[in-house]
Protein backbone atom coordinates (compact mmCIF):
# COMPACT_ATOMS: atom_id res chain seq x y z
CA MET A 1 0.00 0.00 0.00
CA ASN A 2 1.50 3.31 -1.05
CA ASN A 3 -0.39 5.75 1.16
CA ARG A 4 0.82 8.89 2.92
CA LEU A 5 1.95 7.04 6.03
CA THR A 6 3.99 4.56 3.99
CA ARG A 7 5.56 7.31 1.89
CA ARG A 8 6.38 9.25 5.05
CA ARG A 9 7.99 6.16 6.64
CA GLU A 10 9.96 5.49 3.45
CA SER A 11 11.32 9.05 3.50
CA LEU A 12 12.49 8.62 7.11
CA TYR A 13 13.31 4.93 7.66
CA SER A 14 13.70 1.64 5.87
CA ILE A 15 11.38 -1.14 7.05
CA GLY A 16 14.26 -2.64 9.04
CA GLU A 17 15.09 0.65 10.74
CA ALA A 18 11.42 1.27 11.59
CA ALA A 19 11.16 -2.24 13.05
CA ILE A 20 14.19 -1.60 15.26
CA GLU A 21 12.81 1.77 16.42
CA LEU A 22 9.43 0.19 17.26
CA GLY A 23 10.92 -2.97 18.75
CA VAL A 24 8.93 -5.27 16.44
CA SER A 25 9.67 -7.52 13.48
CA GLU A 26 9.81 -6.28 9.89
CA GLY A 27 6.72 -8.39 9.18
CA GLU A 28 4.77 -6.50 11.84
CA VAL A 29 5.74 -3.16 10.29
CA GLU A 30 4.65 -4.43 6.87
CA ALA A 31 1.36 -5.72 8.33
CA LEU A 32 0.75 -2.37 10.02
CA GLU A 33 1.27 -0.53 6.74
CA ALA A 34 -0.90 -2.98 4.82
CA ASP A 35 -3.87 -2.56 7.18
CA PHE A 36 -3.48 0.33 9.61
CA LEU A 37 -7.09 0.13 10.73
CA SER A 38 -9.06 -3.10 10.77
CA LYS A 39 -12.10 -3.44 8.52
CA ILE A 40 -14.49 -3.21 11.46
CA GLN A 41 -12.81 0.01 12.67
CA LYS A 42 -13.12 1.56 9.20
CA ASP A 43 -16.75 0.43 8.90
CA TYR A 44 -17.55 1.89 12.33
CA LEU A 45 -16.07 5.27 11.38
CA ARG A 46 -18.01 5.28 8.09
CA LEU A 47 -21.21 4.37 9.94
CA LEU A 48 -20.78 7.48 12.09
CA ASN A 49 -19.89 9.61 9.04
CA TYR A 50 -16.32 10.25 10.14
CA ASP A 51 -13.36 10.91 7.89
CA MET A 52 -9.93 10.42 9.32
CA GLY A 53 -6.78 12.32 8.47
CA PHE A 54 -3.26 12.09 9.81
CA TYR A 55 -1.06 15.15 9.83
CA PRO A 56 2.68 15.11 10.52
CA HIS A 57 4.11 17.37 13.19
CA ARG A 58 5.62 20.49 11.70
CA LYS A 59 7.94 22.94 13.34
CA LYS A 60 6.29 26.24 14.04
CA ARG A 61 7.73 29.20 12.22
CA GLN A 62 9.88 31.42 14.38
CA ARG A 63 11.00 34.95 13.82
CA LYS A 64 13.44 37.11 15.69
CA ILE A 65 12.56 40.62 16.66
CA ALA A 66 14.97 43.54 17.09
CA ASN A 67 16.14 42.76 20.65
CA GLY A 68 16.92 39.12 19.78
CA GLU A 69 13.76 37.69 21.29
CA VAL A 70 12.28 34.70 19.43
CA VAL A 71 8.56 34.81 18.72
CA VAL A 72 6.61 31.73 17.55
CA ASP A 73 4.17 32.50 14.75
CA GLY A 74 0.71 31.00 15.08
CA ARG A 75 0.90 29.70 11.53
CA CYS A 76 2.31 26.24 10.84
């Protein structure tokens, strides 16, 4: 399955590296990517009219002002 989560993992780790980080086998990482949510979980969310999205953490933009103070912008 080539979804956003898999592409994100591929950009950060190989399957072997991800397995080591998670403390599981490579097969478990592959199984997780193949079916992140079970069919019953997906059906339940659809029944309740929910859509699900995953968003990676992003660093907040920072800017320095004249006296060297760092201010975090509200935008991501």
